[in-house]
PDB file of N, CA and C in Angstrom:
ATOM      1  N   MET A   1       0.840  -1.162   0.000  1.00  0.00           N
ATOM      2  CA  MET A   1       0.000   0.000   0.000  1.00  0.00           C
ATOM      3  C   MET A   1       0.894   1.236   0.000  1.00  0.00           C
ATOM      4  N   PRO A   2       0.595   2.161  -0.915  1.00  0.00           N
ATOM      5  CA  PRO A   2       1.449   3.343  -0.981  1.00  0.00           C
ATOM      6  C   PRO A   2       1.189   4.267   0.200  1.00  0.00           C
ATOM      7  N   LEU A   3       2.200   5.019   0.482  1.00  0.00           N
ATOM      8  CA  LEU A   3       2.115   5.972   1.573  1.00  0.00           C
ATOM      9  C   LEU A   3       1.176   7.114   1.168  1.00  0.00           C
ATOM     10  N   GLN A   4       0.231   7.420   2.030  1.00  0.00           N
ATOM     11  CA  GLN A   4      -0.735   8.474   1.719  1.00  0.00           C
ATOM     12  C   GLN A   4      -0.537   9.648   2.676  1.00  0.00           C
ATOM     13  N   TYR A   5      -0.405  10.826   2.070  1.00  0.00           N
ATOM     14  CA  TYR A   5      -0.268  12.047   2.858  1.00  0.00           C
ATOM     15  C   TYR A   5      -1.628  12.727   2.952  1.00  0.00           C
ATOM     16  N   PRO A   6      -1.860  13.428   4.013  1.00  0.00           N
ATOM     17  CA  PRO A   6      -3.111  14.188   4.075  1.00  0.00           C
ATOM     18  C   PRO A   6      -3.136  15.255   2.973  1.00  0.00           C
ATOM     19  N   GLN A   7      -4.355  15.658   2.575  1.00  0.00           N
ATOM     20  CA  GLN A   7      -4.530  16.625   1.490  1.00  0.00           C
ATOM     21  C   GLN A   7      -3.785  17.926   1.763  1.00  0.00           C
ATOM     22  N   SER A   8      -3.700  18.366   3.019  1.00  0.00           N
ATOM     23  CA  SER A   8      -3.069  19.640   3.343  1.00  0.00           C
ATOM     24  C   SER A   8      -1.580  19.520   3.627  1.00  0.00           C
ATOM     25  N   SER A   9      -1.013  18.375   3.435  1.00  0.00           N
ATOM     26  CA  SER A   9       0.396  18.160   3.730  1.00  0.00           C
ATOM     27  C   SER A   9       1.278  18.885   2.721  1.00  0.00           C
ATOM     28  N   PRO A  10       2.412  19.429   3.153  1.00  0.00           N
ATOM     29  CA  PRO A  10       3.329  20.071   2.223  1.00  0.00           C
ATOM     30  C   PRO A  10       4.003  19.078   1.291  1.00  0.00           C
ATOM     31  N   TYR A  11       3.880  17.816   1.577  1.00  0.00           N
ATOM     32  CA  TYR A  11       4.522  16.790   0.761  1.00  0.00           C
ATOM     33  C   TYR A  11       3.596  16.241  -0.316  1.00  0.00           C
ATOM     34  N   ASN A  12       2.369  16.674  -0.344  1.00  0.00           N
ATOM     35  CA  ASN A  12       1.425  16.195  -1.334  1.00  0.00           C
ATOM     36  C   ASN A  12       1.774  16.827  -2.671  1.00  0.00           C
ATOM     37  N   PRO A  13       2.154  16.054  -3.681  1.00  0.00           N
ATOM     38  CA  PRO A  13       2.577  16.613  -4.966  1.00  0.00           C
ATOM     39  C   PRO A  13       1.409  17.162  -5.789  1.00  0.00           C
ATOM     40  N   TYR A  14       0.180  16.930  -5.384  1.00  0.00           N
ATOM     41  CA  TYR A  14      -0.970  17.342  -6.177  1.00  0.00           C
ATOM     42  C   TYR A  14      -1.582  18.676  -5.727  1.00  0.00           C
ATOM     43  N   THR A  15      -0.998  19.290  -4.760  1.00  0.00           N
ATOM     44  CA  THR A  15      -1.496  20.597  -4.328  1.00  0.00           C
ATOM     45  C   THR A  15      -0.510  21.673  -4.775  1.00  0.00           C
ATOM     46  N   GLU A  16      -1.065  22.803  -5.168  1.00  0.00           N
ATOM     47  CA  GLU A  16      -0.212  23.912  -5.578  1.00  0.00           C
ATOM     48  C   GLU A  16       0.177  24.727  -4.345  1.00  0.00           C
ATOM     49  N   PRO A  17       1.389  25.187  -4.317  1.00  0.00           N
ATOM     50  CA  PRO A  17       1.771  26.007  -3.169  1.00  0.00           C
ATOM     51  C   PRO A  17       0.995  27.333  -3.192  1.00  0.00           C
ATOM     52  N   LYS A  18       0.683  27.827  -2.024  1.00  0.00           N
ATOM     53  CA  LYS A  18      -0.035  29.087  -1.925  1.00  0.00           C
ATOM     54  C   LYS A  18       0.937  30.231  -2.188  1.00  0.00           C
ATOM     55  N   THR A  19       0.507  31.156  -3.039  1.00  0.00           N
ATOM     56  CA  THR A  19       1.348  32.311  -3.334  1.00  0.00           C
ATOM     57  C   THR A  19       0.649  33.563  -2.822  1.00  0.00           C
ATOM     58  N   THR A  20       1.445  34.526  -2.452  1.00  0.00           N
ATOM     59  CA  THR A  20       0.915  35.801  -1.981  1.00  0.00           C
ATOM     60  C   THR A  20       1.175  36.830  -3.057  1.00  0.00           C
ATOM     61  N   ASN A  21       0.178  37.652  -3.343  1.00  0.00           N
ATOM     62  CA  ASN A  21       0.289  38.679  -4.359  1.00  0.00           C
ATOM     63  C   ASN A  21       0.848  39.949  -3.711  1.00  0.00           C
ATOM     64  N   TRP A  22       2.165  39.978  -3.540  1.00  0.00           N
ATOM     65  CA  TRP A  22       2.820  41.069  -2.836  1.00  0.00           C
ATOM     66  C   TRP A  22       2.658  42.430  -3.494  1.00  0.00           C
ATOM     67  N   PRO A  23       2.722  42.544  -4.798  1.00  0.00           N
ATOM     68  CA  PRO A  23       2.538  43.882  -5.386  1.00  0.00           C
ATOM     69  C   PRO A  23       1.193  44.514  -5.029  1.00  0.00           C
ATOM     70  N   VAL A  24       0.142  43.726  -5.031  1.00  0.00           N
ATOM     71  CA  VAL A  24      -1.176  44.253  -4.686  1.00  0.00           C
ATOM     72  C   VAL A  24      -1.214  44.669  -3.220  1.00  0.00           C
ATOM     73  N   ILE A  25      -0.639  43.876  -2.362  1.00  0.00           N
ATOM     74  CA  ILE A  25      -0.617  44.195  -0.935  1.00  0.00           C
ATOM     75  C   ILE A  25       0.179  45.478  -0.685  1.00  0.00           C
ATOM     76  N   ILE A  26       1.340  45.593  -1.308  1.00  0.00           N
ATOM     77  CA  ILE A  26       2.192  46.760  -1.105  1.00  0.00           C
ATOM     78  C   ILE A  26       1.515  48.026  -1.633  1.00  0.00           C
ATOM     79  N   LEU A  27       0.935  47.968  -2.835  1.00  0.00           N
ATOM     80  CA  LEU A  27       0.253  49.131  -3.385  1.00  0.00           C
ATOM     81  C   LEU A  27      -0.966  49.513  -2.558  1.00  0.00           C
ATOM     82  N   SER A  28      -1.669  48.546  -2.017  1.00  0.00           N
ATOM     83  CA  SER A  28      -2.827  48.840  -1.171  1.00  0.00           C
ATOM     84  C   SER A  28      -2.396  49.554   0.107  1.00  0.00           C
ATOM     85  N   VAL A  29      -1.345  49.103   0.727  1.00  0.00           N
ATOM     86  CA  VAL A  29      -0.844  49.724   1.951  1.00  0.00           C
ATOM     87  C   VAL A  29      -0.361  51.140   1.662  1.00  0.00           C
ATOM     88  N   ILE A  30       0.355  51.328   0.557  1.00  0.00           N
ATOM     89  CA  ILE A  30       0.824  52.676   0.190  1.00  0.00           C
ATOM     90  C   ILE A  30      -0.369  53.605  -0.052  1.00  0.00           C
ATOM     91  N   GLY A  31      -1.404  53.107  -0.712  1.00  0.00           N
ATOM     92  CA  GLY A  31      -2.599  53.905  -0.959  1.00  0.00           C
ATOM     93  C   GLY A  31      -3.294  54.329   0.318  1.00  0.00           C
ATOM     94  N   VAL A  32      -3.420  53.406   1.259  1.00  0.00           N
ATOM     95  CA  VAL A  32      -4.061  53.725   2.539  1.00  0.00           C
ATOM     96  C   VAL A  32      -3.233  54.751   3.309  1.00  0.00           C
ATOM     97  N   ILE A  33      -1.922  54.595   3.306  1.00  0.00           N
ATOM     98  CA  ILE A  33      -1.051  55.545   3.997  1.00  0.00           C
ATOM     99  C   ILE A  33      -1.145  56.926   3.343  1.00  0.00           C
ATOM    100  N   ALA A  34      -1.129  56.983   2.016  1.00  0.00           N
ATOM    101  CA  ALA A  34      -1.213  58.268   1.318  1.00  0.00           C
ATOM    102  C   ALA A  34      -2.544  58.954   1.597  1.00  0.00           C
ATOM    103  N   LEU A  35      -3.620  58.213   1.590  1.00  0.00           N
ATOM    104  CA  LEU A  35      -4.929  58.784   1.864  1.00  0.00           C
ATOM    105  C   LEU A  35      -5.013  59.295   3.302  1.00  0.00           C
ATOM    106  N   THR A  36      -4.464  58.556   4.231  1.00  0.00           N
ATOM    107  CA  THR A  36      -4.450  58.974   5.627  1.00  0.00           C
ATOM    108  C   THR A  36      -3.641  60.259   5.807  1.00  0.00           C
ATOM    109  N   LEU A  37      -2.476  60.333   5.185  1.00  0.00           N
ATOM    110  CA  LEU A  37      -1.651  61.543   5.277  1.00  0.00           C
ATOM    111  C   LEU A  37      -2.350  62.741   4.639  1.00  0.00           C
ATOM    112  N   LEU A  38      -3.047  62.523   3.538  1.00  0.00           N
ATOM    113  CA  LEU A  38      -3.798  63.594   2.894  1.00  0.00           C
ATOM    114  C   LEU A  38      -4.851  64.157   3.838  1.00  0.00           C
ATOM    115  N   VAL A  39      -5.576  63.293   4.488  1.00  0.00           N
ATOM    116  CA  VAL A  39      -6.618  63.731   5.409  1.00  0.00           C
ATOM    117  C   VAL A  39      -6.007  64.455   6.605  1.00  0.00           C
ATOM    118  N   ILE A  40      -4.948  63.901   7.177  1.00  0.00           N
ATOM    119  CA  ILE A  40      -4.351  64.469   8.388  1.00  0.00           C
ATOM    120  C   ILE A  40      -3.675  65.816   8.124  1.00  0.00           C
ATOM    121  N   PHE A  41      -2.925  65.922   7.039  1.00  0.00           N
ATOM    122  CA  PHE A  41      -2.104  67.114   6.832  1.00  0.00           C
ATOM    123  C   PHE A  41      -2.693  68.152   5.893  1.00  0.00           C
ATOM    124  N   TRP A  42      -3.792  67.847   5.170  1.00  0.00           N
ATOM    125  CA  TRP A  42      -4.332  68.843   4.263  1.00  0.00           C
ATOM    126  C   TRP A  42      -5.808  69.124   4.510  1.00  0.00           C
ATOM    127  N   ILE A  43      -6.630  68.113   4.517  1.00  0.00           N
ATOM    128  CA  ILE A  43      -8.075  68.330   4.617  1.00  0.00           C
ATOM    129  C   ILE A  43      -8.478  68.828   6.000  1.00  0.00           C
ATOM    130  N   ILE A  44      -8.029  68.178   7.054  1.00  0.00           N
ATOM    131  CA  ILE A  44      -8.417  68.583   8.408  1.00  0.00           C
ATOM    132  C   ILE A  44      -7.899  69.981   8.755  1.00  0.00           C
ATOM    133  N   PRO A  45      -6.613  70.305   8.542  1.00  0.00           N
ATOM    134  CA  PRO A  45      -6.165  71.665   8.862  1.00  0.00           C
ATOM    135  C   PRO A  45      -6.874  72.731   8.038  1.00  0.00           C
ATOM    136  N   THR A  46      -7.141  72.467   6.767  1.00  0.00           N
ATOM    137  CA  THR A  46      -7.852  73.439   5.931  1.00  0.00           C
ATOM    138  C   THR A  46      -9.238  73.695   6.481  1.00  0.00           C
ATOM    139  N   TYR A  47      -9.913  72.649   6.878  1.00  0.00           N
ATOM    140  CA  TYR A  47     -11.263  72.783   7.426  1.00  0.00           C
ATOM    141  C   TYR A  47     -11.254  73.656   8.679  1.00  0.00           C
ATOM    142  N   PHE A  48     -10.348  73.358   9.613  1.00  0.00           N
ATOM    143  CA  PHE A  48     -10.330  74.109  10.865  1.00  0.00           C
ATOM    144  C   PHE A  48      -9.809  75.528  10.684  1.00  0.00           C
ATOM    145  N   ASN A  49      -8.861  75.749   9.765  1.00  0.00           N
ATOM    146  CA  ASN A  49      -8.394  77.111   9.494  1.00  0.00           C
ATOM    147  C   ASN A  49      -9.508  77.949   8.896  1.00  0.00           C
ATOM    148  N   ASP A  50     -10.281  77.369   7.981  1.00  0.00           N
ATOM    149  CA  ASP A  50     -11.396  78.103   7.393  1.00  0.00           C
ATOM    150  C   ASP A  50     -12.439  78.451   8.448  1.00  0.00           C
ATOM    151  N   LYS A  51     -12.724  77.522   9.340  1.00  0.00           N
ATOM    152  CA  LYS A  51     -13.700  77.797  10.395  1.00  0.00           C
ATOM    153  C   LYS A  51     -13.181  78.876  11.341  1.00  0.00           C
ATOM    154  N   ALA A  52     -11.903  78.837  11.687  1.00  0.00           N
ATOM    155  CA  ALA A  52     -11.332  79.816  12.609  1.00  0.00           C
ATOM    156  C   ALA A  52     -11.295  81.206  11.989  1.00  0.00           C
ATOM    157  N   ASN A  53     -11.093  81.270  10.664  1.00  0.00           N
ATOM    158  CA  ASN A  53     -11.031  82.563   9.980  1.00  0.00           C
ATOM    159  C   ASN A  53     -12.394  83.052   9.515  1.00  0.00           C
ATOM    160  N   GLY A  54     -13.423  82.267   9.739  1.00  0.00           N
ATOM    161  CA  GLY A  54     -14.769  82.660   9.325  1.00  0.00           C
ATOM    162  C   GLY A  54     -15.026  82.486   7.845  1.00  0.00           C
ATOM    163  N   ASN A  55     -14.160  81.771   7.144  1.00  0.00           N
ATOM    164  CA  ASN A  55     -14.349  81.548   5.712  1.00  0.00           C
ATOM    165  C   ASN A  55     -15.230  80.339   5.493  1.00  0.00           C
ATOM    166  N   ASN A  56     -15.943  80.351   4.397  1.00  0.00           N
ATOM    167  CA  ASN A  56     -16.690  79.180   3.966  1.00  0.00           C
ATOM    168  C   ASN A  56     -16.795  79.206   2.460  1.00  0.00           C
ATOM    169  N   SER A  57     -17.428  78.221   1.875  1.00  0.00           N
ATOM    170  CA  SER A  57     -17.466  78.120   0.424  1.00  0.00           C
ATOM    171  C   SER A  57     -18.367  79.161  -0.212  1.00  0.00           C
ATOM    172  N   GLU A  58     -19.176  79.860   0.545  1.00  0.00           N
ATOM    173  CA  GLU A  58     -20.096  80.836  -0.016  1.00  0.00           C
ATOM    174  C   GLU A  58     -19.507  82.235  -0.062  1.00  0.00           C
ATOM    175  N   GLY A  59     -18.349  82.459   0.458  1.00  0.00           N
ATOM    176  CA  GLY A  59     -17.765  83.799   0.495  1.00  0.00           C
ATOM    177  C   GLY A  59     -17.325  84.120   1.909  1.00  0.00           C
ATOM    178  N   VAL A  60     -17.210  85.397   2.216  1.00  0.00           N
ATOM    179  CA  VAL A  60     -16.756  85.811   3.541  1.00  0.00           C
ATOM    180  C   VAL A  60     -17.753  85.391   4.611  1.00  0.00           C
ATOM    181  N   LEU A  61     -18.999  85.698   4.395  1.00  0.00           N
ATOM    182  CA  LEU A  61     -20.044  85.389   5.355  1.00  0.00           C
ATOM    183  C   LEU A  61     -21.262  84.851   4.607  1.00  0.00           C
ATOM    184  N   PRO A  62     -22.034  83.995   5.223  1.00  0.00           N
ATOM    185  CA  PRO A  62     -23.291  83.627   4.575  1.00  0.00           C
ATOM    186  C   PRO A  62     -24.169  84.874   4.448  1.00  0.00           C
ATOM    187  N   THR A  63     -24.964  84.955   3.408  1.00  0.00           N
ATOM    188  CA  THR A  63     -25.710  86.187   3.148  1.00  0.00           C
ATOM    189  C   THR A  63     -26.687  86.526   4.256  1.00  0.00           C
ATOM    190  N   ASP A  64     -27.109  85.574   5.053  1.00  0.00           N
ATOM    191  CA  ASP A  64     -28.052  85.906   6.119  1.00  0.00           C
ATOM    192  C   ASP A  64     -27.370  86.568   7.316  1.00  0.00           C
ATOM    193  N   THR A  65     -26.035  86.699   7.288  1.00  0.00           N
ATOM    194  CA  THR A  65     -25.356  87.342   8.411  1.00  0.00           C
ATOM    195  C   THR A  65     -24.648  88.635   8.007  1.00  0.00           C
ATOM    196  N   TYR A  66     -24.841  89.105   6.769  1.00  0.00           N
ATOM    197  CA  TYR A  66     -24.249  90.388   6.401  1.00  0.00           C
ATOM    198  C   TYR A  66     -24.903  91.472   7.234  1.00  0.00           C
ATOM    199  N   ASN A  67     -24.106  92.349   7.778  1.00  0.00           N
ATOM    200  CA  ASN A  67     -24.616  93.459   8.568  1.00  0.00           C
ATOM    201  C   ASN A  67     -24.701  94.690   7.674  1.00  0.00           C
ATOM    202  N   CYS A  68     -25.897  95.088   7.345  1.00  0.00           N
ATOM    203  CA  CYS A  68     -26.102  96.259   6.487  1.00  0.00           C
ATOM    204  C   CYS A  68     -26.669  97.439   7.268  1.00  0.00           C
ATOM    205  N   SER A  69     -26.616  97.358   8.593  1.00  0.00           N
ATOM    206  CA  SER A  69     -27.188  98.439   9.389  1.00  0.00           C
ATOM    207  C   SER A  69     -26.153  99.485   9.792  1.00  0.00           C
ATOM    208  N   SER A  70     -24.874  99.154   9.739  1.00  0.00           N
ATOM    209  CA  SER A  70     -23.833 100.127  10.078  1.00  0.00           C
ATOM    210  C   SER A  70     -22.547  99.776   9.340  1.00  0.00           C
ATOM    211  N   ASP A  71     -21.580 100.686   9.338  1.00  0.00           N
ATOM    212  CA  ASP A  71     -20.316 100.502   8.627  1.00  0.00           C
ATOM    213  C   ASP A  71     -19.407  99.582   9.430  1.00  0.00           C
ATOM    214  N   VAL A  72     -19.417  98.278   9.087  1.00  0.00           N
ATOM    215  CA  VAL A  72     -18.609  97.315   9.840  1.00  0.00           C
ATOM    216  C   VAL A  72     -17.554  96.613   8.986  1.00  0.00           C
ATOM    217  N   TYR A  73     -17.639  96.715   7.651  1.00  0.00           N
ATOM    218  CA  TYR A  73     -16.682  96.044   6.779  1.00  0.00           C
ATOM    219  C   TYR A  73     -15.785  97.057   6.096  1.00  0.00           C
ATOM    220  N   ASN A  74     -14.526  96.656   5.897  1.00  0.00           N
ATOM    221  CA  ASN A  74     -13.557  97.429   5.125  1.00  0.00           C
ATOM    222  C   ASN A  74     -12.991  96.510   4.057  1.00  0.00           C
ATOM    223  N   CYS A  75     -12.329  97.077   3.080  1.00  0.00           N
ATOM    224  CA  CYS A  75     -11.746  96.254   2.015  1.00  0.00           C
ATOM    225  C   CYS A  75     -10.745  95.232   2.567  1.00  0.00           C
ATOM    226  N   GLY A  76     -10.076  95.558   3.657  1.00  0.00           N
ATOM    227  CA  GLY A  76      -9.117  94.637   4.261  1.00  0.00           C
ATOM    228  C   GLY A  76      -9.758  93.405   4.882  1.00  0.00           C
ATOM    229  N   ASP A  77     -11.080  93.415   5.028  1.00  0.00           N
ATOM    230  CA  ASP A  77     -11.779  92.255   5.589  1.00  0.00           C
ATOM    231  C   ASP A  77     -12.020  91.168   4.545  1.00  0.00           C
ATOM    232  N   PHE A  78     -11.719  91.448   3.281  1.00  0.00           N
ATOM    233  CA  PHE A  78     -12.009  90.517   2.193  1.00  0.00           C
ATOM    234  C   PHE A  78     -10.723  90.037   1.538  1.00  0.00           C
ATOM    235  N   THR A  79     -10.774  88.814   1.025  1.00  0.00           N
ATOM    236  CA  THR A  79      -9.628  88.237   0.328  1.00  0.00           C
ATOM    237  C   THR A  79      -9.643  88.595  -1.145  1.00  0.00           C
ATOM    238  N   THR A  80     -10.833  88.624  -1.740  1.00  0.00           N
ATOM    239  CA  THR A  80     -10.949  88.926  -3.160  1.00  0.00           C
ATOM    240  C   THR A  80     -11.970  90.043  -3.389  1.00  0.00           C
ATOM    241  N   GLN A  81     -11.886  90.630  -4.563  1.00  0.00           N
ATOM    242  CA  GLN A  81     -12.836  91.669  -4.931  1.00  0.00           C
ATOM    243  C   GLN A  81     -14.240  91.098  -5.035  1.00  0.00           C
ATOM    244  N   ALA A  82     -14.350  89.849  -5.474  1.00  0.00           N
ATOM    245  CA  ALA A  82     -15.662  89.217  -5.626  1.00  0.00           C
ATOM    246  C   ALA A  82     -16.382  89.091  -4.279  1.00  0.00           C
ATOM    247  N   GLU A  83     -15.636  88.813  -3.228  1.00  0.00           N
ATOM    248  CA  GLU A  83     -16.241  88.715  -1.894  1.00  0.00           C
ATOM    249  C   GLU A  83     -16.774  90.083  -1.448  1.00  0.00           C
ATOM    250  N   ALA A  84     -15.977  91.116  -1.664  1.00  0.00           N
ATOM    251  CA  ALA A  84     -16.408  92.472  -1.292  1.00  0.00           C
ATOM    252  C   ALA A  84     -17.609  92.889  -2.132  1.00  0.00           C
ATOM    253  N   GLN A  85     -17.583  92.519  -3.399  1.00  0.00           N
ATOM    254  CA  GLN A  85     -18.690  92.866  -4.292  1.00  0.00           C
ATOM    255  C   GLN A  85     -19.984  92.191  -3.844  1.00  0.00           C
ATOM    256  N   GLU A  86     -19.866  90.972  -3.351  1.00  0.00           N
ATOM    257  CA  GLU A  86     -21.046  90.248  -2.872  1.00  0.00           C
ATOM    258  C   GLU A  86     -21.714  90.996  -1.710  1.00  0.00           C
ATOM    259  N   VAL A  87     -20.916  91.474  -0.766  1.00  0.00           N
ATOM    260  CA  VAL A  87     -21.456  92.235   0.364  1.00  0.00           C
ATOM    261  C   VAL A  87     -22.022  93.568  -0.123  1.00  0.00           C
ATOM    262  N   PHE A  88     -21.295  94.237  -1.004  1.00  0.00           N
ATOM    263  CA  PHE A  88     -21.749  95.518  -1.550  1.00  0.00           C
ATOM    264  C   PHE A  88     -23.101  95.365  -2.245  1.00  0.00           C
ATOM    265  N   ASP A  89     -23.212  94.341  -3.110  1.00  0.00           N
ATOM    266  CA  ASP A  89     -24.464  94.114  -3.842  1.00  0.00           C
ATOM    267  C   ASP A  89     -25.608  93.755  -2.899  1.00  0.00           C
ATOM    268  N   TYR A  90     -25.321  92.911  -1.911  1.00  0.00           N
ATOM    269  CA  TYR A  90     -26.360  92.496  -0.970  1.00  0.00           C
ATOM    270  C   TYR A  90     -26.913  93.705  -0.199  1.00  0.00           C
ATOM    271  N   CYS A  91     -26.031  94.529   0.330  1.00  0.00           N
ATOM    272  CA  CYS A  91     -26.481  95.693   1.099  1.00  0.00           C
ATOM    273  C   CYS A  91     -27.197  96.707   0.206  1.00  0.00           C
ATOM    274  N   SER A  92     -26.761  96.820  -1.049  1.00  0.00           N
ATOM    275  CA  SER A  92     -27.452  97.712  -1.976  1.00  0.00           C
ATOM    276  C   SER A  92     -28.867  97.216  -2.238  1.00  0.00           C
ATOM    277  N   GLN A  93     -29.028  95.907  -2.387  1.00  0.00           N
ATOM    278  CA  GLN A  93     -30.354  95.324  -2.621  1.00  0.00           C
ATOM    279  C   GLN A  93     -31.255  95.469  -1.399  1.00  0.00           C
ATOM    280  N   GLN A  94     -30.660  95.542  -0.223  1.00  0.00           N
ATOM    281  CA  GLN A  94     -31.436  95.693   1.012  1.00  0.00           C
ATOM    282  C   GLN A  94     -31.828  97.148   1.261  1.00  0.00           C
ATOM    283  N   GLY A  95     -31.373  98.039   0.399  1.00  0.00           N
ATOM    284  CA  GLY A  95     -31.716  99.446   0.532  1.00  0.00           C
ATOM    285  C   GLY A  95     -30.741 100.239   1.387  1.00  0.00           C
ATOM    286  N   ALA A  96     -29.624  99.623   1.773  1.00  0.00           N
ATOM    287  CA  ALA A  96     -28.649 100.314   2.616  1.00  0.00           C
ATOM    288  C   ALA A  96     -27.614 101.066   1.788  1.00  0.00           C
ATOM    289  N   GLY A  97     -27.583 100.838   0.489  1.00  0.00           N
ATOM    290  CA  GLY A  97     -26.594 101.499  -0.361  1.00  0.00           C
ATOM    291  C   GLY A  97     -25.182 101.039  -0.017  1.00  0.00           C
ATOM    292  N   ASP A  98     -24.235 101.944  -0.150  1.00  0.00           N
ATOM    293  CA  ASP A  98     -22.829 101.622   0.152  1.00  0.00           C
ATOM    294  C   ASP A  98     -22.532 101.972   1.608  1.00  0.00           C
ATOM    295  N   ILE A  99     -23.224 101.301   2.509  1.00  0.00           N
ATOM    296  CA  ILE A  99     -23.113 101.573   3.947  1.00  0.00           C
ATOM    297  C   ILE A  99     -21.687 101.373   4.453  1.00  0.00           C
ATOM    298  N   HIS A 100     -20.940 100.463   3.828  1.00  0.00           N
ATOM    299  CA  HIS A 100     -19.586 100.124   4.291  1.00  0.00           C
ATOM    300  C   HIS A 100     -18.506 100.936   3.571  1.00  0.00           C
ATOM    301  N   GLN A 101     -18.921 101.766   2.632  1.00  0.00           N
ATOM    302  CA  GLN A 101     -17.994 102.584   1.850  1.00  0.00           C
ATOM    303  C   GLN A 101     -16.943 101.728   1.148  1.00  0.00           C
ATOM    304  N   LEU A 102     -17.413 100.661   0.511  1.00  0.00           N
ATOM    305  CA  LEU A 102     -16.531  99.762  -0.228  1.00  0.00           C
ATOM    306  C   LEU A 102     -16.287 100.249  -1.649  1.00  0.00           C
ATOM    307  N   ASP A 103     -17.152 101.137  -2.140  1.00  0.00           N
ATOM    308  CA  ASP A 103     -17.025 101.695  -3.486  1.00  0.00           C
ATOM    309  C   ASP A 103     -16.734 103.186  -3.365  1.00  0.00           C
ATOM    310  N   ARG A 104     -15.476 103.536  -3.184  1.00  0.00           N
ATOM    311  CA  ARG A 104     -15.082 104.924  -2.923  1.00  0.00           C
ATOM    312  C   ARG A 104     -15.325 105.845  -4.123  1.00  0.00           C
ATOM    313  N   ASP A 105     -15.166 105.306  -5.348  1.00  0.00           N
ATOM    314  CA  ASP A 105     -15.310 106.188  -6.506  1.00  0.00           C
ATOM    315  C   ASP A 105     -16.718 106.158  -7.107  1.00  0.00           C
ATOM    316  N   GLY A 106     -17.619 105.355  -6.531  1.00  0.00           N
ATOM    317  CA  GLY A 106     -19.018 105.360  -6.944  1.00  0.00           C
ATOM    318  C   GLY A 106     -19.314 104.724  -8.285  1.00  0.00           C
ATOM    319  N   ASN A 107     -18.424 103.869  -8.774  1.00  0.00           N
ATOM    320  CA  ASN A 107     -18.649 103.253 -10.083  1.00  0.00           C
ATOM    321  C   ASN A 107     -19.366 101.896  -9.999  1.00  0.00           C
ATOM    322  N   GLY A 108     -19.744 101.479  -8.795  1.00  0.00           N
ATOM    323  CA  GLY A 108     -20.467 100.214  -8.634  1.00  0.00           C
ATOM    324  C   GLY A 108     -19.589  99.012  -8.406  1.00  0.00           C
ATOM    325  N   LYS A 109     -18.275  99.185  -8.370  1.00  0.00           N
ATOM    326  CA  LYS A 109     -17.350  98.084  -8.120  1.00  0.00           C
ATOM    327  C   LYS A 109     -16.682  98.274  -6.764  1.00  0.00           C
ATOM    328  N   ALA A 110     -16.864  97.310  -5.891  1.00  0.00           N
ATOM    329  CA  ALA A 110     -16.334  97.396  -4.525  1.00  0.00           C
ATOM    330  C   ALA A 110     -14.878  96.941  -4.482  1.00  0.00           C
ATOM    331  N   CYS A 111     -14.082  97.628  -3.699  1.00  0.00           N
ATOM    332  CA  CYS A 111     -12.696  97.233  -3.390  1.00  0.00           C
ATOM    333  C   CYS A 111     -11.927  96.825  -4.650  1.00  0.00           C
ATOM    334  N   GLU A 112     -11.829  97.711  -5.570  1.00  0.00           N
ATOM    335  CA  GLU A 112     -11.190  97.406  -6.864  1.00  0.00           C
ATOM    336  C   GLU A 112      -9.718  97.071  -6.745  1.00  0.00           C
ATOM    337  N   SER A 113      -9.089  97.394  -5.634  1.00  0.00           N
ATOM    338  CA  SER A 113      -7.655  97.098  -5.480  1.00  0.00           C
ATOM    339  C   SER A 113      -7.408  95.636  -5.117  1.00  0.00           C
ATOM    340  N   LEU A 114      -8.449  94.919  -4.730  1.00  0.00           N
ATOM    341  CA  LEU A 114      -8.295  93.498  -4.378  1.00  0.00           C
ATOM    342  C   LEU A 114      -8.227  92.642  -5.631  1.00  0.00           C
ATOM    343  N   PRO A 115      -7.532  91.501  -5.544  1.00  0.00           N
ATOM    344  CA  PRO A 115      -7.440  90.612  -6.707  1.00  0.00           C
ATOM    345  C   PRO A 115      -8.763  89.939  -7.023  1.00  0.00           C
TER     346      PRO A 115
END
């Protein structure tokens, strides 16, 4: 009677050795590490810096919080001319005119010196 090895034996000539797909494992680990670093060093700090500076995706302030009752904004409060223009237009539509004096020359363009 021939010698019989169990099916899972390393000596069984009819089983293929198990191989590990190392390139896939290595690329997967690198991808997870890169994604984690992206979140930790770019997305999270950007989010908290924007919140601390009062910035959001809609401009300097959401339109429901623009103060058009007194002169509270200056050109230095805005990063871009478009942000200043948004406040200028909003207050003009509310009937306050150029309450913040953002359009010094009266041509309808606020804070023209901003980029």
